[in-house]
N, C-alpha and C. Protein backbone atom coordinates (compact mmCIF):
# COMPACT_ATOMS: atom_id res chain seq x y z
N UNK A 1 34.59 -0.80 -23.34
CA UNK A 1 35.18 -1.50 -24.48
C UNK A 1 36.67 -1.71 -24.20
N UNK A 2 37.15 -2.85 -24.63
CA UNK A 2 38.57 -3.16 -24.49
C UNK A 2 39.39 -2.19 -25.35
N UNK A 3 40.57 -1.87 -24.89
CA UNK A 3 41.46 -1.01 -25.67
C UNK A 3 42.36 -1.88 -26.53
N UNK A 4 42.55 -1.45 -27.75
CA UNK A 4 43.43 -2.18 -28.67
C UNK A 4 44.46 -1.19 -29.21
N UNK A 5 45.74 -1.52 -29.15
CA UNK A 5 46.76 -0.61 -29.65
C UNK A 5 46.75 -0.45 -31.18
N UNK A 6 45.90 -1.22 -31.86
CA UNK A 6 45.84 -1.14 -33.32
C UNK A 6 44.71 -0.26 -33.84
N UNK A 7 44.00 0.43 -32.94
CA UNK A 7 42.91 1.31 -33.37
C UNK A 7 43.41 2.38 -34.34
N UNK A 8 44.68 2.73 -34.28
CA UNK A 8 45.20 3.75 -35.20
C UNK A 8 45.24 3.26 -36.65
N UNK A 9 44.99 1.96 -36.87
CA UNK A 9 44.97 1.43 -38.23
C UNK A 9 43.57 1.34 -38.82
N UNK A 10 42.56 1.77 -38.05
CA UNK A 10 41.20 1.79 -38.57
C UNK A 10 41.07 2.94 -39.56
N UNK A 11 40.54 2.64 -40.71
CA UNK A 11 40.29 3.64 -41.76
C UNK A 11 38.79 3.74 -42.00
N UNK A 12 38.37 4.80 -42.62
CA UNK A 12 36.96 4.93 -43.00
C UNK A 12 36.78 4.13 -44.28
N UNK A 13 36.32 2.90 -44.13
CA UNK A 13 36.24 1.98 -45.26
C UNK A 13 34.80 1.74 -45.67
N UNK A 14 34.63 1.38 -46.92
CA UNK A 14 33.37 0.89 -47.45
C UNK A 14 33.60 -0.58 -47.77
N UNK A 15 32.72 -1.47 -47.30
CA UNK A 15 32.91 -2.89 -47.63
C UNK A 15 33.08 -3.07 -49.14
N UNK A 16 34.05 -3.89 -49.51
CA UNK A 16 34.40 -4.09 -50.91
C UNK A 16 33.42 -4.94 -51.69
N UNK A 17 32.48 -5.60 -51.03
CA UNK A 17 31.52 -6.47 -51.72
C UNK A 17 30.34 -6.73 -50.79
N UNK A 18 29.28 -7.31 -51.34
CA UNK A 18 28.11 -7.68 -50.55
C UNK A 18 28.16 -9.15 -50.13
N UNK A 19 29.29 -9.79 -50.37
CA UNK A 19 29.51 -11.18 -49.99
C UNK A 19 31.01 -11.39 -49.85
N UNK A 20 31.42 -12.59 -49.51
CA UNK A 20 32.85 -12.89 -49.40
C UNK A 20 33.49 -12.73 -50.78
N UNK A 21 34.41 -11.79 -50.87
CA UNK A 21 35.04 -11.48 -52.17
C UNK A 21 35.70 -12.70 -52.79
N UNK A 22 36.38 -13.49 -51.97
CA UNK A 22 37.13 -14.64 -52.49
C UNK A 22 36.20 -15.80 -52.83
N UNK A 23 35.17 -16.05 -52.01
CA UNK A 23 34.21 -17.11 -52.32
C UNK A 23 33.43 -16.79 -53.58
N UNK A 24 33.11 -15.52 -53.78
CA UNK A 24 32.36 -15.13 -54.97
C UNK A 24 33.18 -15.38 -56.24
N UNK A 25 34.49 -15.23 -56.15
CA UNK A 25 35.35 -15.48 -57.32
C UNK A 25 35.36 -16.96 -57.72
N UNK A 26 35.22 -17.83 -56.73
CA UNK A 26 35.28 -19.27 -57.00
C UNK A 26 33.91 -19.94 -57.03
N UNK A 27 32.86 -19.17 -56.74
CA UNK A 27 31.51 -19.73 -56.72
C UNK A 27 31.22 -20.53 -55.48
N UNK A 28 31.97 -20.30 -54.41
CA UNK A 28 31.79 -21.03 -53.16
C UNK A 28 30.79 -20.31 -52.26
N UNK A 29 30.49 -20.91 -51.12
CA UNK A 29 29.52 -20.36 -50.18
C UNK A 29 30.22 -19.99 -48.88
N UNK A 30 29.52 -19.22 -48.03
CA UNK A 30 30.06 -18.79 -46.75
C UNK A 30 28.94 -18.76 -45.73
N UNK A 31 29.31 -18.67 -44.44
CA UNK A 31 28.33 -18.56 -43.35
C UNK A 31 28.05 -17.10 -43.03
N UNK A 32 29.03 -16.43 -42.46
CA UNK A 32 28.88 -15.03 -42.08
C UNK A 32 30.07 -14.24 -42.61
N UNK A 33 29.92 -12.90 -42.59
CA UNK A 33 30.93 -12.04 -43.21
C UNK A 33 31.62 -11.15 -42.20
N UNK A 34 32.89 -10.85 -42.50
CA UNK A 34 33.70 -9.93 -41.71
C UNK A 34 34.34 -8.94 -42.67
N UNK A 35 34.53 -7.70 -42.20
CA UNK A 35 35.15 -6.68 -43.05
C UNK A 35 36.43 -6.18 -42.39
N UNK A 36 37.47 -6.05 -43.17
CA UNK A 36 38.75 -5.53 -42.71
C UNK A 36 38.59 -4.02 -42.50
N UNK A 37 38.99 -3.53 -41.34
CA UNK A 37 38.84 -2.11 -41.03
C UNK A 37 40.03 -1.28 -41.52
N UNK A 38 40.97 -1.92 -42.18
CA UNK A 38 42.09 -1.19 -42.79
C UNK A 38 41.82 -0.91 -44.26
N UNK A 39 41.26 -1.92 -44.98
CA UNK A 39 41.10 -1.76 -46.43
C UNK A 39 39.70 -2.01 -46.96
N UNK A 40 38.80 -2.58 -46.15
CA UNK A 40 37.43 -2.83 -46.60
C UNK A 40 37.21 -4.20 -47.23
N UNK A 41 38.24 -5.04 -47.27
CA UNK A 41 38.08 -6.40 -47.82
C UNK A 41 37.00 -7.15 -47.04
N UNK A 42 36.11 -7.83 -47.75
CA UNK A 42 35.07 -8.63 -47.11
C UNK A 42 35.43 -10.10 -47.26
N UNK A 43 35.53 -10.78 -46.14
CA UNK A 43 35.87 -12.20 -46.14
C UNK A 43 34.92 -12.99 -45.26
N UNK A 44 34.90 -14.30 -45.47
CA UNK A 44 34.03 -15.16 -44.69
C UNK A 44 34.67 -15.48 -43.33
N UNK A 45 33.79 -15.81 -42.37
CA UNK A 45 34.21 -16.03 -40.99
C UNK A 45 34.92 -17.38 -40.83
N UNK A 46 35.43 -17.62 -39.64
CA UNK A 46 36.14 -18.87 -39.37
C UNK A 46 35.21 -20.08 -39.29
N UNK A 47 33.90 -19.85 -39.20
CA UNK A 47 32.95 -20.96 -39.27
C UNK A 47 32.69 -21.39 -40.71
N UNK A 48 33.13 -20.60 -41.66
CA UNK A 48 33.03 -20.96 -43.08
C UNK A 48 34.24 -21.82 -43.43
N UNK A 49 34.09 -22.69 -44.42
CA UNK A 49 35.17 -23.63 -44.71
C UNK A 49 36.44 -22.96 -45.22
N UNK A 50 36.32 -21.78 -45.87
CA UNK A 50 37.50 -21.13 -46.45
C UNK A 50 38.19 -20.12 -45.53
N UNK A 51 37.50 -19.63 -44.53
CA UNK A 51 38.08 -18.71 -43.53
C UNK A 51 38.83 -17.55 -44.20
N UNK A 52 38.21 -16.91 -45.19
CA UNK A 52 38.90 -15.87 -45.97
C UNK A 52 39.24 -14.61 -45.17
N UNK A 53 38.47 -14.27 -44.14
CA UNK A 53 38.82 -13.09 -43.33
C UNK A 53 40.16 -13.33 -42.62
N UNK A 54 40.33 -14.51 -42.05
CA UNK A 54 41.59 -14.85 -41.38
C UNK A 54 42.73 -14.95 -42.40
N UNK A 55 42.46 -15.53 -43.55
CA UNK A 55 43.50 -15.60 -44.59
C UNK A 55 43.94 -14.21 -45.03
N UNK A 56 42.98 -13.28 -45.11
CA UNK A 56 43.31 -11.90 -45.47
C UNK A 56 44.27 -11.31 -44.44
N UNK A 57 44.00 -11.53 -43.15
CA UNK A 57 44.91 -11.05 -42.11
C UNK A 57 46.29 -11.69 -42.28
N UNK A 58 46.34 -12.99 -42.51
CA UNK A 58 47.62 -13.69 -42.64
C UNK A 58 48.44 -13.16 -43.82
N UNK A 59 47.77 -12.73 -44.88
CA UNK A 59 48.47 -12.21 -46.06
C UNK A 59 48.85 -10.75 -45.93
N UNK A 60 48.03 -9.95 -45.22
CA UNK A 60 48.23 -8.49 -45.20
C UNK A 60 48.69 -7.94 -43.86
N UNK A 61 48.46 -8.69 -42.80
CA UNK A 61 48.70 -8.24 -41.43
C UNK A 61 47.80 -7.07 -41.03
N UNK A 62 46.67 -6.87 -41.73
CA UNK A 62 45.68 -5.89 -41.30
C UNK A 62 45.00 -6.46 -40.06
N UNK A 63 45.15 -5.82 -38.89
CA UNK A 63 44.81 -6.47 -37.63
C UNK A 63 43.34 -6.52 -37.24
N UNK A 64 42.51 -5.59 -37.69
CA UNK A 64 41.16 -5.47 -37.15
C UNK A 64 40.07 -5.78 -38.17
N UNK A 65 39.09 -6.56 -37.70
CA UNK A 65 37.90 -6.83 -38.51
C UNK A 65 36.68 -6.43 -37.70
N UNK A 66 35.57 -6.32 -38.42
CA UNK A 66 34.28 -6.04 -37.80
C UNK A 66 33.28 -6.99 -38.43
N UNK A 67 32.30 -7.43 -37.65
CA UNK A 67 31.24 -8.25 -38.21
C UNK A 67 30.47 -7.42 -39.24
N UNK A 68 30.08 -8.06 -40.31
CA UNK A 68 29.28 -7.40 -41.34
C UNK A 68 27.83 -7.87 -41.29
N UNK A 69 27.50 -8.64 -40.26
CA UNK A 69 26.14 -9.13 -40.11
C UNK A 69 25.23 -8.02 -39.59
N UNK A 70 24.01 -7.97 -40.08
CA UNK A 70 23.04 -6.97 -39.64
C UNK A 70 22.83 -7.05 -38.12
N UNK A 71 22.86 -5.90 -37.47
CA UNK A 71 22.62 -5.84 -36.03
C UNK A 71 23.84 -6.17 -35.17
N UNK A 72 24.96 -6.50 -35.77
CA UNK A 72 26.17 -6.81 -35.00
C UNK A 72 27.20 -5.70 -35.21
N UNK A 73 27.84 -5.28 -34.13
CA UNK A 73 28.87 -4.23 -34.27
C UNK A 73 30.14 -4.58 -33.50
N UNK A 74 30.37 -5.87 -33.28
CA UNK A 74 31.57 -6.31 -32.58
C UNK A 74 32.73 -6.44 -33.55
N UNK A 75 33.92 -6.49 -32.98
CA UNK A 75 35.12 -6.64 -33.79
C UNK A 75 36.11 -7.59 -33.14
N UNK A 76 37.23 -7.78 -33.82
CA UNK A 76 38.27 -8.69 -33.36
C UNK A 76 39.61 -8.15 -33.81
N UNK A 77 40.59 -8.20 -32.91
CA UNK A 77 41.97 -7.89 -33.26
C UNK A 77 42.71 -9.21 -33.36
N UNK A 78 43.17 -9.54 -34.57
CA UNK A 78 43.90 -10.79 -34.78
C UNK A 78 45.24 -10.79 -34.05
N UNK A 79 45.91 -9.67 -34.01
CA UNK A 79 47.24 -9.60 -33.41
C UNK A 79 47.17 -9.87 -31.91
N UNK A 80 46.28 -9.14 -31.22
CA UNK A 80 46.19 -9.24 -29.76
C UNK A 80 45.16 -10.25 -29.29
N UNK A 81 44.41 -10.84 -30.24
CA UNK A 81 43.36 -11.80 -29.90
C UNK A 81 42.39 -11.21 -28.88
N UNK A 82 41.90 -10.00 -29.19
CA UNK A 82 40.99 -9.27 -28.31
C UNK A 82 39.63 -9.15 -29.00
N UNK A 83 38.57 -9.54 -28.26
CA UNK A 83 37.20 -9.31 -28.71
C UNK A 83 36.83 -7.88 -28.37
N UNK A 84 36.25 -7.17 -29.32
CA UNK A 84 35.88 -5.76 -29.13
C UNK A 84 34.37 -5.66 -29.32
N UNK A 85 33.67 -5.25 -28.26
CA UNK A 85 32.21 -5.34 -28.31
C UNK A 85 31.52 -4.20 -29.05
N UNK A 86 32.22 -3.17 -29.45
CA UNK A 86 31.60 -2.06 -30.18
C UNK A 86 32.63 -1.46 -31.12
N UNK A 87 32.35 -1.51 -32.41
CA UNK A 87 33.27 -0.99 -33.41
C UNK A 87 32.60 0.12 -34.20
N UNK A 88 33.40 0.94 -34.91
CA UNK A 88 32.83 2.04 -35.69
C UNK A 88 31.88 1.55 -36.77
N UNK A 89 30.89 2.38 -37.06
CA UNK A 89 29.96 2.08 -38.16
C UNK A 89 30.70 2.13 -39.49
N UNK A 90 30.17 1.43 -40.46
CA UNK A 90 30.77 1.38 -41.79
C UNK A 90 29.96 2.20 -42.77
N UNK A 91 30.62 2.68 -43.81
CA UNK A 91 29.90 3.26 -44.93
C UNK A 91 29.18 2.11 -45.62
N UNK A 92 27.99 2.35 -46.06
CA UNK A 92 27.25 1.31 -46.79
C UNK A 92 27.41 1.52 -48.28
N UNK A 93 27.44 0.42 -48.98
CA UNK A 93 27.54 0.48 -50.44
C UNK A 93 26.23 0.98 -51.00
N UNK A 94 26.30 1.98 -51.87
CA UNK A 94 25.12 2.51 -52.52
C UNK A 94 24.68 1.61 -53.66
N UNK A 95 23.47 1.81 -54.18
CA UNK A 95 22.97 0.94 -55.25
C UNK A 95 23.79 1.01 -56.52
N UNK A 96 24.53 2.10 -56.72
CA UNK A 96 25.30 2.24 -57.94
C UNK A 96 26.74 1.78 -57.77
N UNK A 97 27.13 1.38 -56.57
CA UNK A 97 28.53 1.05 -56.33
C UNK A 97 28.98 -0.17 -57.12
N UNK A 98 28.12 -1.16 -57.30
CA UNK A 98 28.51 -2.34 -58.08
C UNK A 98 28.72 -1.98 -59.54
N UNK A 99 27.84 -1.14 -60.08
CA UNK A 99 27.99 -0.71 -61.46
C UNK A 99 29.28 0.10 -61.63
N UNK A 100 29.55 1.00 -60.70
CA UNK A 100 30.76 1.81 -60.78
C UNK A 100 32.00 0.93 -60.70
N UNK A 101 31.96 -0.08 -59.85
CA UNK A 101 33.10 -0.99 -59.73
C UNK A 101 33.30 -1.77 -61.03
N UNK A 102 32.19 -2.23 -61.61
CA UNK A 102 32.25 -2.98 -62.86
C UNK A 102 32.81 -2.11 -63.99
N UNK A 103 32.47 -0.83 -63.97
CA UNK A 103 32.95 0.10 -64.98
C UNK A 103 34.38 0.57 -64.71
N UNK A 104 34.91 0.20 -63.55
CA UNK A 104 36.28 0.57 -63.20
C UNK A 104 36.41 1.98 -62.67
N UNK A 105 35.37 2.49 -62.02
CA UNK A 105 35.42 3.86 -61.47
C UNK A 105 35.52 3.86 -59.98
């Protein structure tokens, strides 16, 4: 696996949504999903018209994402433009996580 100097910014995150957080707010659609490994934000890929994962990086400077597609474990460092073929596993959202989020817990 390629080495990335930003690995120290990886946190144990839980994806913040089961779809692109920003597209869901506007009722838009997406192709594939990426998750920020610093904060757990879920955004749509660059093949989607809104490119919310990249926009999240541009706004926050959180450097690393991971594919959220089933069976994929690759990642990308926006800063160094490095493809990473194996990234850490993510915590999965439990069935009650949406209810807890809605209740503000």
